Amino acid sequence: MSIFSTEVLEIGNEAFDMLEAGFFILFGEKVPAELKDYCYIIKINEIFGEIKPGQKIILGDQQIGISAVGEEVMSNLENLGHVTIKFDGSKSAELPGTIYVEKIENFNLEIGDTIQII
């Protein structure tokens, strides 16, 4: 069963540039205007359970292991749809609003794609 599931509604003009730095940003539909260009805009949905290391995140057609979860991920995701996904495989969460995942090559997430945490 999915702990969290959502859909990519929009992609900001600068969102792809963040990927070159090894991360991307999710934000719900009420994203502040000054951040919108840098984010993947998602629908805010309920979280069913706790997000924790060892689980998987599915980004479109790619499944990636979660290595660490910041202490504010749950509340930020549920209330704002806002988290950062960082592709560095860190085992400890340095930033409170970040989900750390295994390194990935050729990341691609498009409008209409599903994001799930299982």
N, C-alpha and C. Protein backbone atom coordinates (compact mmCIF):
# COMPACT_ATOMS: atom_id res chain seq x y z
N MET A 1 0.84 -1.19 0.00
CA MET A 1 0.00 0.00 0.00
C MET A 1 0.88 1.25 0.00
N SER A 2 0.40 2.25 -0.68
CA SER A 2 1.12 3.51 -0.80
C SER A 2 0.94 4.37 0.45
N ILE A 3 2.04 4.90 0.96
CA ILE A 3 1.99 5.82 2.10
C ILE A 3 1.60 7.21 1.64
N PHE A 4 2.07 7.56 0.45
CA PHE A 4 1.76 8.86 -0.14
C PHE A 4 1.74 8.70 -1.65
N SER A 5 0.80 9.38 -2.28
CA SER A 5 0.71 9.36 -3.73
C SER A 5 0.20 10.71 -4.22
N THR A 6 0.80 11.20 -5.29
CA THR A 6 0.39 12.46 -5.86
C THR A 6 0.72 12.48 -7.35
N GLU A 7 0.39 13.58 -8.00
CA GLU A 7 0.63 13.74 -9.42
C GLU A 7 1.32 15.07 -9.68
N VAL A 8 2.23 15.07 -10.65
CA VAL A 8 2.89 16.32 -11.06
C VAL A 8 1.92 17.11 -11.92
N LEU A 9 1.58 18.32 -11.45
CA LEU A 9 0.62 19.17 -12.16
C LEU A 9 1.30 20.18 -13.08
N GLU A 10 2.43 20.71 -12.64
CA GLU A 10 3.19 21.69 -13.40
C GLU A 10 4.67 21.52 -13.09
N ILE A 11 5.50 22.04 -13.97
CA ILE A 11 6.95 22.04 -13.73
C ILE A 11 7.44 23.45 -13.99
N GLY A 12 8.08 24.03 -12.97
CA GLY A 12 8.60 25.39 -13.10
C GLY A 12 9.70 25.48 -14.14
N ASN A 13 9.87 26.67 -14.71
CA ASN A 13 10.85 26.89 -15.78
C ASN A 13 12.28 26.58 -15.37
N GLU A 14 12.61 26.74 -14.11
CA GLU A 14 13.98 26.52 -13.64
C GLU A 14 14.14 25.19 -12.89
N ALA A 15 13.10 24.39 -12.82
CA ALA A 15 13.14 23.15 -12.03
C ALA A 15 14.22 22.18 -12.52
N PHE A 16 14.42 22.13 -13.82
CA PHE A 16 15.43 21.21 -14.36
C PHE A 16 16.84 21.60 -13.94
N ASP A 17 17.07 22.90 -13.72
CA ASP A 17 18.40 23.36 -13.28
C ASP A 17 18.74 22.81 -11.90
N MET A 18 17.74 22.62 -11.06
CA MET A 18 17.98 22.06 -9.73
C MET A 18 18.49 20.63 -9.82
N LEU A 19 18.04 19.91 -10.84
CA LEU A 19 18.47 18.52 -11.03
C LEU A 19 19.98 18.43 -11.23
N GLU A 20 20.55 19.42 -11.92
CA GLU A 20 21.99 19.43 -12.15
C GLU A 20 22.75 19.54 -10.83
N ALA A 21 22.12 20.13 -9.83
CA ALA A 21 22.74 20.26 -8.50
C ALA A 21 22.45 19.04 -7.62
N GLY A 22 21.69 18.06 -8.15
CA GLY A 22 21.46 16.81 -7.43
C GLY A 22 20.21 16.77 -6.57
N PHE A 23 19.26 17.65 -6.83
CA PHE A 23 18.01 17.63 -6.07
C PHE A 23 16.89 18.24 -6.89
N PHE A 24 15.66 18.05 -6.39
CA PHE A 24 14.52 18.78 -6.94
C PHE A 24 13.55 19.09 -5.83
N ILE A 25 12.68 20.05 -6.09
CA ILE A 25 11.78 20.57 -5.06
C ILE A 25 10.34 20.30 -5.46
N LEU A 26 9.58 19.74 -4.51
CA LEU A 26 8.14 19.58 -4.69
C LEU A 26 7.43 20.67 -3.89
N PHE A 27 6.35 21.18 -4.43
CA PHE A 27 5.53 22.15 -3.70
C PHE A 27 4.10 21.98 -4.17
N GLY A 28 3.17 22.15 -3.24
CA GLY A 28 1.74 22.06 -3.56
C GLY A 28 1.27 23.21 -4.42
N GLU A 29 0.00 23.16 -4.76
CA GLU A 29 -0.59 24.13 -5.69
C GLU A 29 -0.55 25.57 -5.19
N LYS A 30 -0.41 25.78 -3.90
CA LYS A 30 -0.36 27.13 -3.34
C LYS A 30 1.08 27.60 -3.15
N VAL A 31 1.95 27.18 -4.04
CA VAL A 31 3.36 27.55 -4.00
C VAL A 31 3.50 29.07 -4.11
N PRO A 32 4.35 29.68 -3.29
CA PRO A 32 4.59 31.12 -3.42
C PRO A 32 5.14 31.46 -4.81
N ALA A 33 4.71 32.56 -5.37
CA ALA A 33 5.09 32.95 -6.73
C ALA A 33 6.60 32.98 -6.93
N GLU A 34 7.34 33.44 -5.90
CA GLU A 34 8.79 33.55 -6.04
C GLU A 34 9.50 32.20 -6.09
N LEU A 35 8.82 31.12 -5.71
CA LEU A 35 9.42 29.78 -5.73
C LEU A 35 8.92 28.92 -6.90
N LYS A 36 7.82 29.30 -7.49
CA LYS A 36 7.14 28.45 -8.48
C LYS A 36 8.05 28.00 -9.62
N ASP A 37 8.90 28.88 -10.12
CA ASP A 37 9.77 28.53 -11.24
C ASP A 37 10.75 27.42 -10.92
N TYR A 38 11.02 27.18 -9.63
CA TYR A 38 12.03 26.21 -9.23
C TYR A 38 11.45 24.86 -8.79
N CYS A 39 10.14 24.72 -8.88
CA CYS A 39 9.47 23.56 -8.27
C CYS A 39 8.72 22.69 -9.26
N TYR A 40 8.55 21.44 -8.84
CA TYR A 40 7.57 20.55 -9.44
C TYR A 40 6.31 20.74 -8.61
N ILE A 41 5.25 21.20 -9.22
CA ILE A 41 4.01 21.50 -8.50
C ILE A 41 3.18 20.22 -8.45
N ILE A 42 2.75 19.87 -7.22
CA ILE A 42 2.00 18.62 -7.02
C ILE A 42 0.68 18.91 -6.31
N LYS A 43 -0.20 17.94 -6.38
CA LYS A 43 -1.45 17.98 -5.61
C LYS A 43 -1.13 17.54 -4.18
N ILE A 44 -1.63 18.29 -3.20
CA ILE A 44 -1.42 17.93 -1.80
C ILE A 44 -2.40 16.82 -1.43
N ASN A 45 -1.87 15.71 -0.97
CA ASN A 45 -2.70 14.57 -0.59
C ASN A 45 -2.32 14.11 0.81
N GLU A 46 -3.20 13.33 1.40
CA GLU A 46 -2.99 12.79 2.74
C GLU A 46 -1.84 11.78 2.75
N ILE A 47 -1.14 11.73 3.89
CA ILE A 47 -0.09 10.74 4.10
C ILE A 47 -0.65 9.64 5.00
N PHE A 48 -0.45 8.39 4.60
CA PHE A 48 -0.96 7.24 5.34
C PHE A 48 0.21 6.48 5.97
N GLY A 49 0.64 6.91 7.13
CA GLY A 49 1.77 6.26 7.80
C GLY A 49 2.96 7.18 7.86
N GLU A 50 4.08 6.62 8.32
CA GLU A 50 5.30 7.40 8.50
C GLU A 50 6.26 7.17 7.33
N ILE A 51 6.87 8.24 6.85
CA ILE A 51 7.88 8.15 5.81
C ILE A 51 9.22 7.95 6.51
N LYS A 52 9.94 6.88 6.12
CA LYS A 52 11.19 6.57 6.81
C LYS A 52 12.18 5.89 5.88
N PRO A 53 13.46 5.90 6.28
CA PRO A 53 14.49 5.22 5.48
C PRO A 53 14.14 3.75 5.27
N GLY A 54 14.56 3.25 4.12
CA GLY A 54 14.28 1.85 3.77
C GLY A 54 13.07 1.71 2.88
N GLN A 55 12.23 2.73 2.86
CA GLN A 55 11.07 2.70 1.96
C GLN A 55 11.54 3.10 0.56
N LYS A 56 10.62 3.07 -0.37
CA LYS A 56 10.92 3.42 -1.75
C LYS A 56 10.07 4.61 -2.17
N ILE A 57 10.65 5.44 -3.04
CA ILE A 57 9.88 6.50 -3.68
C ILE A 57 9.84 6.16 -5.16
N ILE A 58 8.66 6.27 -5.74
CA ILE A 58 8.49 6.01 -7.17
C ILE A 58 8.27 7.35 -7.83
N LEU A 59 9.16 7.68 -8.74
CA LEU A 59 9.11 8.95 -9.47
C LEU A 59 8.86 8.60 -10.93
N GLY A 60 7.59 8.73 -11.36
CA GLY A 60 7.24 8.30 -12.71
C GLY A 60 7.43 6.81 -12.83
N ASP A 61 8.42 6.38 -13.63
CA ASP A 61 8.66 4.95 -13.82
C ASP A 61 9.93 4.46 -13.14
N GLN A 62 10.50 5.31 -12.25
CA GLN A 62 11.72 4.92 -11.54
C GLN A 62 11.45 4.73 -10.05
N GLN A 63 11.94 3.62 -9.51
CA GLN A 63 11.80 3.33 -8.08
C GLN A 63 13.16 3.49 -7.42
N ILE A 64 13.21 4.30 -6.35
CA ILE A 64 14.48 4.65 -5.72
C ILE A 64 14.35 4.46 -4.21
N GLY A 65 15.40 3.96 -3.57
CA GLY A 65 15.40 3.76 -2.13
C GLY A 65 15.58 5.07 -1.37
N ILE A 66 14.84 5.21 -0.28
CA ILE A 66 14.96 6.36 0.61
C ILE A 66 16.03 6.04 1.65
N SER A 67 17.03 6.93 1.79
CA SER A 67 18.14 6.68 2.71
C SER A 67 18.05 7.47 4.01
N ALA A 68 17.37 8.63 3.98
CA ALA A 68 17.20 9.44 5.19
C ALA A 68 16.00 10.36 5.00
N VAL A 69 15.38 10.77 6.12
CA VAL A 69 14.18 11.62 6.07
C VAL A 69 14.32 12.71 7.13
N GLY A 70 14.23 13.96 6.70
CA GLY A 70 14.29 15.09 7.62
C GLY A 70 13.09 15.13 8.55
N GLU A 71 13.27 15.74 9.73
CA GLU A 71 12.24 15.74 10.77
C GLU A 71 10.99 16.54 10.40
N GLU A 72 11.05 17.42 9.42
CA GLU A 72 9.88 18.22 9.04
C GLU A 72 9.21 17.74 7.76
N VAL A 73 9.71 16.65 7.18
CA VAL A 73 9.16 16.15 5.92
C VAL A 73 7.67 15.87 6.02
N MET A 74 7.26 15.14 7.04
CA MET A 74 5.86 14.74 7.16
C MET A 74 4.93 15.96 7.21
N SER A 75 5.20 16.90 8.10
CA SER A 75 4.31 18.06 8.24
C SER A 75 4.37 18.95 7.01
N ASN A 76 5.55 19.15 6.45
CA ASN A 76 5.66 19.99 5.25
C ASN A 76 4.92 19.39 4.06
N LEU A 77 5.08 18.09 3.87
CA LEU A 77 4.44 17.42 2.74
C LEU A 77 2.93 17.43 2.89
N GLU A 78 2.44 17.14 4.08
CA GLU A 78 1.00 17.08 4.31
C GLU A 78 0.33 18.46 4.26
N ASN A 79 1.00 19.49 4.78
CA ASN A 79 0.40 20.82 4.85
C ASN A 79 0.67 21.69 3.63
N LEU A 80 1.85 21.57 3.04
CA LEU A 80 2.23 22.45 1.94
C LEU A 80 2.53 21.70 0.64
N GLY A 81 2.67 20.39 0.73
CA GLY A 81 3.12 19.63 -0.44
C GLY A 81 4.58 19.94 -0.75
N HIS A 82 5.32 20.39 0.26
CA HIS A 82 6.67 20.90 0.03
C HIS A 82 7.75 20.06 0.70
N VAL A 83 8.60 19.46 -0.13
CA VAL A 83 9.80 18.78 0.32
C VAL A 83 10.84 18.88 -0.79
N THR A 84 12.08 18.69 -0.40
CA THR A 84 13.16 18.58 -1.37
C THR A 84 13.55 17.11 -1.42
N ILE A 85 13.80 16.62 -2.63
CA ILE A 85 14.28 15.26 -2.82
C ILE A 85 15.74 15.39 -3.27
N LYS A 86 16.67 14.88 -2.48
CA LYS A 86 18.09 15.01 -2.78
C LYS A 86 18.67 13.66 -3.12
N PHE A 87 19.37 13.59 -4.26
CA PHE A 87 19.93 12.35 -4.80
C PHE A 87 21.37 12.12 -4.38
N ASP A 88 21.64 12.02 -3.08
CA ASP A 88 23.03 11.80 -2.69
C ASP A 88 23.23 10.58 -1.78
N GLY A 89 22.17 9.89 -1.46
CA GLY A 89 22.27 8.68 -0.66
C GLY A 89 22.68 8.89 0.79
N SER A 90 22.57 10.12 1.30
CA SER A 90 22.94 10.40 2.69
C SER A 90 22.18 9.51 3.66
N LYS A 91 22.87 9.06 4.68
CA LYS A 91 22.26 8.21 5.70
C LYS A 91 21.73 9.03 6.87
N SER A 92 22.08 10.32 6.94
CA SER A 92 21.54 11.20 7.97
C SER A 92 20.96 12.44 7.29
N ALA A 93 19.86 12.92 7.85
CA ALA A 93 19.15 14.05 7.26
C ALA A 93 19.71 15.36 7.81
N GLU A 94 20.49 16.05 7.00
CA GLU A 94 21.06 17.33 7.41
C GLU A 94 20.02 18.45 7.37
N LEU A 95 19.12 18.39 6.41
CA LEU A 95 18.10 19.42 6.26
C LEU A 95 16.74 18.87 6.66
N PRO A 96 15.98 19.58 7.49
CA PRO A 96 14.74 19.03 8.06
C PRO A 96 13.62 18.78 7.05
N GLY A 97 13.60 19.47 5.93
CA GLY A 97 12.53 19.29 4.95
C GLY A 97 12.94 18.49 3.74
N THR A 98 13.93 17.62 3.90
CA THR A 98 14.49 16.90 2.75
C THR A 98 14.36 15.40 2.92
N ILE A 99 14.00 14.74 1.80
CA ILE A 99 14.05 13.27 1.70
C ILE A 99 15.30 12.95 0.89
N TYR A 100 16.17 12.15 1.47
CA TYR A 100 17.41 11.76 0.80
C TYR A 100 17.20 10.40 0.17
N VAL A 101 17.60 10.28 -1.09
CA VAL A 101 17.42 9.02 -1.82
C VAL A 101 18.75 8.60 -2.45
N GLU A 102 18.77 7.36 -2.91
CA GLU A 102 19.95 6.82 -3.60
C GLU A 102 20.27 7.68 -4.82
N LYS A 103 21.53 7.65 -5.21
CA LYS A 103 21.94 8.37 -6.42
C LYS A 103 21.22 7.76 -7.62
N ILE A 104 20.91 8.61 -8.58
CA ILE A 104 20.17 8.16 -9.76
C ILE A 104 20.72 8.86 -11.00
N GLU A 105 20.72 8.15 -12.09
CA GLU A 105 21.14 8.71 -13.37
C GLU A 105 19.90 8.87 -14.25
N ASN A 106 19.96 9.83 -15.14
CA ASN A 106 18.90 10.02 -16.14
C ASN A 106 17.52 10.20 -15.53
N PHE A 107 17.43 11.04 -14.51
CA PHE A 107 16.14 11.31 -13.88
C PHE A 107 15.23 12.04 -14.84
N ASN A 108 13.97 11.63 -14.89
CA ASN A 108 13.00 12.30 -15.74
C ASN A 108 11.63 12.21 -15.09
N LEU A 109 11.01 13.35 -14.85
CA LEU A 109 9.68 13.42 -14.26
C LEU A 109 8.91 14.47 -15.04
N GLU A 110 7.75 14.10 -15.55
CA GLU A 110 7.00 15.00 -16.42
C GLU A 110 5.61 15.28 -15.86
N ILE A 111 4.96 16.28 -16.40
CA ILE A 111 3.59 16.62 -16.02
C ILE A 111 2.71 15.38 -16.24
N GLY A 112 1.91 15.07 -15.23
CA GLY A 112 1.03 13.90 -15.29
C GLY A 112 1.63 12.66 -14.64
N ASP A 113 2.95 12.67 -14.41
CA ASP A 113 3.59 11.52 -13.77
C ASP A 113 3.15 11.43 -12.31
N THR A 114 3.18 10.21 -11.80
CA THR A 114 2.82 9.95 -10.40
C THR A 114 4.09 9.88 -9.54
N ILE A 115 3.95 10.39 -8.33
CA ILE A 115 4.99 10.25 -7.31
C ILE A 115 4.35 9.48 -6.16
N GLN A 116 5.00 8.38 -5.75
CA GLN A 116 4.48 7.56 -4.65
C GLN A 116 5.59 7.23 -3.68
N ILE A 117 5.21 7.09 -2.42
CA ILE A 117 6.12 6.55 -1.41
C ILE A 117 5.48 5.26 -0.91
N ILE A 118 6.25 4.17 -0.99
CA ILE A 118 5.72 2.85 -0.61
C ILE A 118 6.61 2.20 0.43
